[in-house]
Amino acid sequence: MDEVGRCGLTGRPLFVLVAACPDDVPAALPVPGPYFVCLLAWDARGVSAADIGTVAGRLLRAGCVYAVCWGPDCERVHDIFDEVELELRPDGPWAMTTWHSSEPLSEAIWFALFSAWPDDAFAYGCRSVVGVSVGSPRWAAEMRSAFAAPGEFIAAWLAGEDTPDA
C-alpha cells in the first residue's frame, strides 16, 4: 500500500492498495488515525459470500468506517459489508456503505474523496482515504492517478473530460 497524495480540500492522505486477489487484502493497514474511508473497486461476480465477508471483515477491523463499493456485483459486496458490520458492532455505531454500480469509476473516486463522511462517532478519527483495487491493475492505476493529483482530477471531472473508466 502506498501513500500517493493528499486531498487539498480535506487534508486527508490518500493511499492505494493493489490486491491481486481477495487474500491479498491485509488485516491491518498503516494509515494515520484509527479510521479511514475505503473505495473498494472489485469485480465480485463469482466470488463467494464467505470470501467477500472475509475482505469486508478485514477492512472493517482495520478501521474502515465508510465503504464505497464499486464494480460488477458491488451491490452484493455492499450488502455483505453491512451484514459483517452488524456482526462486529450489533449496537452501533456503524460504518457507512454505498454502492455505485451504474457509475463510472471516476464518479466513485469523486464520491470517496469529497462526499464520503462517516457517522459522527467516527468523524474525528477518520483521517485518510484508501483506494483498494482487487484483481484490476487498471482500476488501481486510475485511482492512483486521481489520488496523486486530486485537484487536477476534480477539475477534469467537473469539466466532463474523459477518464479511463472500465
C-alpha atoms as a PDB file:
ATOM      1  CA  MET A   1       0.000   0.000   0.000  1.00  0.00           C
ATOM      2  CA  ASP A   2       1.373   3.373  -0.997  1.00  0.00           C
ATOM      3  CA  GLU A   3       0.538   6.910   0.048  1.00  0.00           C
ATOM      4  CA  VAL A   4       0.172   8.649  -3.306  1.00  0.00           C
ATOM      5  CA  GLY A   5      -1.228  12.068  -2.472  1.00  0.00           C
ATOM      6  CA  ARG A   6      -3.178  14.321  -0.171  1.00  0.00           C
ATOM      7  CA  CYS A   7      -6.579  15.860  -0.721  1.00  0.00           C
ATOM      8  CA  GLY A   8      -6.192  19.642  -0.690  1.00  0.00           C
ATOM      9  CA  LEU A   9      -9.792  20.186   0.382  1.00  0.00           C
ATOM     10  CA  THR A  10      -9.950  17.732   3.297  1.00  0.00           C
ATOM     11  CA  GLY A  11      -6.256  17.316   4.080  1.00  0.00           C
ATOM     12  CA  ARG A  12      -6.692  13.542   4.110  1.00  0.00           C
ATOM     13  CA  PRO A  13      -3.727  11.458   2.940  1.00  0.00           C
ATOM     14  CA  LEU A  14      -4.651   9.221   0.019  1.00  0.00           C
ATOM     15  CA  PHE A  15      -3.484   5.621  -0.311  1.00  0.00           C
ATOM     16  CA  VAL A  16      -3.822   2.920  -2.966  1.00  0.00           C
ATOM     17  CA  LEU A  17      -3.682  -0.787  -2.243  1.00  0.00           C
ATOM     18  CA  VAL A  18      -3.370  -3.197  -5.166  1.00  0.00           C
ATOM     19  CA  ALA A  19      -4.568  -6.707  -4.340  1.00  0.00           C
ATOM     20  CA  ALA A  20      -4.272  -9.386  -6.995  1.00  0.00           C
ATOM     21  CA  CYS A  21      -6.897 -11.452  -5.201  1.00  0.00           C
ATOM     22  CA  PRO A  22      -9.071 -11.186  -2.068  1.00  0.00           C
ATOM     23  CA  ASP A  23      -6.449 -12.983   0.036  1.00  0.00           C
ATOM     24  CA  ASP A  24      -4.041 -10.090  -0.651  1.00  0.00           C
ATOM     25  CA  VAL A  25      -6.175  -7.594   1.289  1.00  0.00           C
ATOM     26  CA  PRO A  26      -4.316  -7.352   4.612  1.00  0.00           C
ATOM     27  CA  ALA A  27      -5.863  -7.394   8.065  1.00  0.00           C
ATOM     28  CA  ALA A  28      -4.083  -4.178   9.096  1.00  0.00           C
ATOM     29  CA  LEU A  29      -3.487  -1.006   7.115  1.00  0.00           C
ATOM     30  CA  PRO A  30      -0.845   1.549   8.137  1.00  0.00           C
ATOM     31  CA  VAL A  31      -2.915   4.733   7.906  1.00  0.00           C
ATOM     32  CA  PRO A  32      -2.857   7.768  10.183  1.00  0.00           C
ATOM     33  CA  GLY A  33      -5.641   7.781  12.721  1.00  0.00           C
ATOM     34  CA  PRO A  34      -7.865   4.917  13.693  1.00  0.00           C
ATOM     35  CA  TYR A  35     -10.370   5.222  10.801  1.00  0.00           C
ATOM     36  CA  PHE A  36     -10.474   5.624   7.037  1.00  0.00           C
ATOM     37  CA  VAL A  37     -12.771   5.832   4.031  1.00  0.00           C
ATOM     38  CA  CYS A  38     -12.326   2.890   1.662  1.00  0.00           C
ATOM     39  CA  LEU A  39     -13.065   2.893  -2.054  1.00  0.00           C
ATOM     40  CA  LEU A  40     -13.244  -0.810  -2.938  1.00  0.00           C
ATOM     41  CA  ALA A  41     -13.087  -1.490  -6.680  1.00  0.00           C
ATOM     42  CA  TRP A  42     -13.738  -5.179  -7.239  1.00  0.00           C
ATOM     43  CA  ASP A  43     -15.355  -7.434  -9.812  1.00  0.00           C
ATOM     44  CA  ALA A  44     -17.033  -9.698  -7.270  1.00  0.00           C
ATOM     45  CA  ARG A  45     -19.015 -11.768  -9.740  1.00  0.00           C
ATOM     46  CA  GLY A  46     -18.389 -15.404  -8.948  1.00  0.00           C
ATOM     47  CA  VAL A  47     -16.775 -14.617  -5.588  1.00  0.00           C
ATOM     48  CA  SER A  48     -18.325 -16.463  -2.670  1.00  0.00           C
ATOM     49  CA  ALA A  49     -20.181 -14.569   0.034  1.00  0.00           C
ATOM     50  CA  ALA A  50     -17.693 -16.003   2.532  1.00  0.00           C
ATOM     51  CA  ASP A  51     -14.720 -14.527   0.641  1.00  0.00           C
ATOM     52  CA  ILE A  52     -16.443 -11.150   0.353  1.00  0.00           C
ATOM     53  CA  GLY A  53     -17.233 -11.321   4.069  1.00  0.00           C
ATOM     54  CA  THR A  54     -13.597 -12.049   4.859  1.00  0.00           C
ATOM     55  CA  VAL A  55     -12.443  -8.970   2.936  1.00  0.00           C
ATOM     56  CA  ALA A  56     -15.172  -6.832   4.493  1.00  0.00           C
ATOM     57  CA  GLY A  57     -14.225  -8.033   7.964  1.00  0.00           C
ATOM     58  CA  ARG A  58     -10.546  -7.295   7.407  1.00  0.00           C
ATOM     59  CA  LEU A  59     -11.264  -3.775   6.173  1.00  0.00           C
ATOM     60  CA  LEU A  60     -13.780  -3.017   8.913  1.00  0.00           C
ATOM     61  CA  ARG A  61     -11.475  -4.312  11.651  1.00  0.00           C
ATOM     62  CA  ALA A  62      -8.605  -2.295  10.145  1.00  0.00           C
ATOM     63  CA  GLY A  63     -10.680   0.882  10.597  1.00  0.00           C
ATOM     64  CA  CYS A  64     -12.879   1.277   7.534  1.00  0.00           C
ATOM     65  CA  VAL A  65     -15.806   3.464   8.581  1.00  0.00           C
ATOM     66  CA  TYR A  66     -17.113   4.298   5.114  1.00  0.00           C
ATOM     67  CA  ALA A  67     -17.031   1.694   2.329  1.00  0.00           C
ATOM     68  CA  VAL A  68     -17.614   2.989  -1.193  1.00  0.00           C
ATOM     69  CA  CYS A  69     -18.239  -0.191  -3.220  1.00  0.00           C
ATOM     70  CA  TRP A  70     -17.716  -0.100  -6.991  1.00  0.00           C
ATOM     71  CA  GLY A  71     -17.500  -2.702  -9.747  1.00  0.00           C
ATOM     72  CA  PRO A  72     -19.553  -5.596 -11.061  1.00  0.00           C
ATOM     73  CA  ASP A  73     -21.706  -7.056  -8.266  1.00  0.00           C
ATOM     74  CA  CYS A  74     -20.877  -4.180  -5.914  1.00  0.00           C
ATOM     75  CA  GLU A  75     -24.443  -4.210  -4.595  1.00  0.00           C
ATOM     76  CA  ARG A  76     -23.775  -7.646  -3.101  1.00  0.00           C
ATOM     77  CA  VAL A  77     -20.417  -6.507  -1.732  1.00  0.00           C
ATOM     78  CA  HIS A  78     -22.211  -3.564  -0.089  1.00  0.00           C
ATOM     79  CA  ASP A  79     -24.857  -5.821   1.452  1.00  0.00           C
ATOM     80  CA  ILE A  80     -22.252  -8.214   2.830  1.00  0.00           C
ATOM     81  CA  PHE A  81     -20.305  -5.280   4.309  1.00  0.00           C
ATOM     82  CA  ASP A  82     -23.478  -4.291   6.149  1.00  0.00           C
ATOM     83  CA  GLU A  83     -24.020  -7.851   7.412  1.00  0.00           C
ATOM     84  CA  VAL A  84     -20.446  -8.142   8.665  1.00  0.00           C
ATOM     85  CA  GLU A  85     -20.660  -4.706  10.295  1.00  0.00           C
ATOM     86  CA  LEU A  86     -23.803  -5.729  12.183  1.00  0.00           C
ATOM     87  CA  GLU A  87     -21.994  -8.816  13.454  1.00  0.00           C
ATOM     88  CA  LEU A  88     -18.994  -6.746  14.584  1.00  0.00           C
ATOM     89  CA  ARG A  89     -20.961  -3.887  16.176  1.00  0.00           C
ATOM     90  CA  PRO A  90     -24.532  -5.039  16.788  1.00  0.00           C
ATOM     91  CA  ASP A  91     -25.320  -1.911  18.801  1.00  0.00           C
ATOM     92  CA  GLY A  92     -23.517   0.560  16.535  1.00  0.00           C
ATOM     93  CA  PRO A  93     -22.220   2.991  15.663  1.00  0.00           C
ATOM     94  CA  TRP A  94     -21.949   1.585  12.172  1.00  0.00           C
ATOM     95  CA  ALA A  95     -19.773   2.135   9.168  1.00  0.00           C
ATOM     96  CA  MET A  96     -21.498   3.790   6.244  1.00  0.00           C
ATOM     97  CA  THR A  97     -21.662   1.921   2.942  1.00  0.00           C
ATOM     98  CA  THR A  98     -22.645   2.898  -0.577  1.00  0.00           C
ATOM     99  CA  TRP A  99     -22.631   1.118  -3.904  1.00  0.00           C
ATOM    100  CA  HIS A 100     -22.017   2.716  -7.265  1.00  0.00           C
ATOM    101  CA  SER A 101     -22.956   0.109  -9.855  1.00  0.00           C
ATOM    102  CA  SER A 102     -24.247   2.395 -12.587  1.00  0.00           C
ATOM    103  CA  GLU A 103     -21.459   4.968 -12.394  1.00  0.00           C
ATOM    104  CA  PRO A 104     -18.000   5.067 -13.929  1.00  0.00           C
ATOM    105  CA  LEU A 105     -15.086   4.572 -11.565  1.00  0.00           C
ATOM    106  CA  SER A 106     -14.282   8.288 -11.794  1.00  0.00           C
ATOM    107  CA  GLU A 107     -17.596   9.129 -10.081  1.00  0.00           C
ATOM    108  CA  ALA A 108     -16.934   6.623  -7.299  1.00  0.00           C
ATOM    109  CA  ILE A 109     -13.473   8.171  -6.857  1.00  0.00           C
ATOM    110  CA  TRP A 110     -15.023  11.639  -6.661  1.00  0.00           C
ATOM    111  CA  PHE A 111     -17.555  10.385  -4.115  1.00  0.00           C
ATOM    112  CA  ALA A 112     -14.870   8.761  -1.940  1.00  0.00           C
ATOM    113  CA  LEU A 113     -12.734  11.893  -1.995  1.00  0.00           C
ATOM    114  CA  PHE A 114     -15.367  14.566  -1.488  1.00  0.00           C
ATOM    115  CA  SER A 115     -18.665  13.087  -0.253  1.00  0.00           C
ATOM    116  CA  ALA A 116     -17.858  10.079   1.928  1.00  0.00           C
ATOM    117  CA  TRP A 117     -18.150  11.261   5.540  1.00  0.00           C
ATOM    118  CA  PRO A 118     -18.645   8.670   8.267  1.00  0.00           C
ATOM    119  CA  ASP A 119     -21.010   8.625  11.186  1.00  0.00           C
ATOM    120  CA  ASP A 120     -20.285  11.377  13.696  1.00  0.00           C
ATOM    121  CA  ALA A 121     -18.906   8.764  16.110  1.00  0.00           C
ATOM    122  CA  PHE A 122     -16.020   8.132  13.686  1.00  0.00           C
ATOM    123  CA  ALA A 123     -15.642  11.558  12.040  1.00  0.00           C
ATOM    124  CA  TYR A 124     -12.828  12.940  14.199  1.00  0.00           C
ATOM    125  CA  GLY A 125     -10.582   9.898  13.732  1.00  0.00           C
ATOM    126  CA  CYS A 126     -11.293   9.397  10.009  1.00  0.00           C
ATOM    127  CA  ARG A 127      -8.113  10.839   8.575  1.00  0.00           C
ATOM    128  CA  SER A 128      -7.463   9.118   5.247  1.00  0.00           C
ATOM    129  CA  VAL A 129      -8.902   7.571   2.100  1.00  0.00           C
ATOM    130  CA  VAL A 130      -7.736   4.163   0.916  1.00  0.00           C
ATOM    131  CA  GLY A 131      -8.449   3.004  -2.622  1.00  0.00           C
ATOM    132  CA  VAL A 132      -8.402  -0.794  -2.813  1.00  0.00           C
ATOM    133  CA  SER A 133      -8.374  -2.495  -6.189  1.00  0.00           C
ATOM    134  CA  VAL A 134      -8.898  -6.239  -6.146  1.00  0.00           C
ATOM    135  CA  GLY A 135      -7.834  -8.013  -9.315  1.00  0.00           C
ATOM    136  CA  SER A 136      -7.506  -4.992 -11.610  1.00  0.00           C
ATOM    137  CA  PRO A 137      -4.235  -3.133 -12.046  1.00  0.00           C
ATOM    138  CA  ARG A 138      -6.047  -0.807 -14.481  1.00  0.00           C
ATOM    139  CA  TRP A 139      -8.532   0.297 -11.811  1.00  0.00           C
ATOM    140  CA  ALA A 140      -5.659   0.723  -9.351  1.00  0.00           C
ATOM    141  CA  ALA A 141      -3.849   2.911 -11.888  1.00  0.00           C
ATOM    142  CA  GLU A 142      -6.934   5.094 -12.305  1.00  0.00           C
ATOM    143  CA  MET A 143      -7.259   5.510  -8.532  1.00  0.00           C
ATOM    144  CA  ARG A 144      -3.535   6.207  -8.228  1.00  0.00           C
ATOM    145  CA  SER A 145      -3.707   8.891 -10.916  1.00  0.00           C
ATOM    146  CA  ALA A 146      -6.691  10.595  -9.282  1.00  0.00           C
ATOM    147  CA  PHE A 147      -5.267  10.317  -5.760  1.00  0.00           C
ATOM    148  CA  ALA A 148      -1.833  11.621  -6.830  1.00  0.00           C
ATOM    149  CA  ALA A 149      -3.351  14.840  -8.169  1.00  0.00           C
ATOM    150  CA  PRO A 150      -6.856  15.259  -6.723  1.00  0.00           C
ATOM    151  CA  GLY A 151      -7.069  18.917  -7.759  1.00  0.00           C
ATOM    152  CA  GLU A 152      -6.377  18.048 -11.388  1.00  0.00           C
ATOM    153  CA  PHE A 153      -8.707  15.055 -11.165  1.00  0.00           C
ATOM    154  CA  ILE A 154     -11.632  17.120  -9.882  1.00  0.00           C
ATOM    155  CA  ALA A 155     -11.031  19.888 -12.432  1.00  0.00           C
ATOM    156  CA  ALA A 156     -11.091  17.347 -15.277  1.00  0.00           C
ATOM    157  CA  TRP A 157     -14.091  15.560 -13.786  1.00  0.00           C
ATOM    158  CA  LEU A 158     -16.070  18.779 -13.424  1.00  0.00           C
ATOM    159  CA  ALA A 159     -15.145  19.770 -16.971  1.00  0.00           C
ATOM    160  CA  GLY A 160     -16.568  16.464 -18.216  1.00  0.00           C
ATOM    161  CA  GLU A 161     -13.277  15.268 -19.647  1.00  0.00           C
ATOM    162  CA  ASP A 162     -12.983  11.588 -20.441  1.00  0.00           C
ATOM    163  CA  THR A 163     -11.423   9.330 -17.849  1.00  0.00           C
ATOM    164  CA  PRO A 164     -10.093   5.823 -18.419  1.00  0.00           C
ATOM    165  CA  ASP A 165     -13.032   4.059 -16.747  1.00  0.00           C
ATOM    166  CA  ALA A 166     -13.534   0.382 -17.270  1.00  0.00           C
END
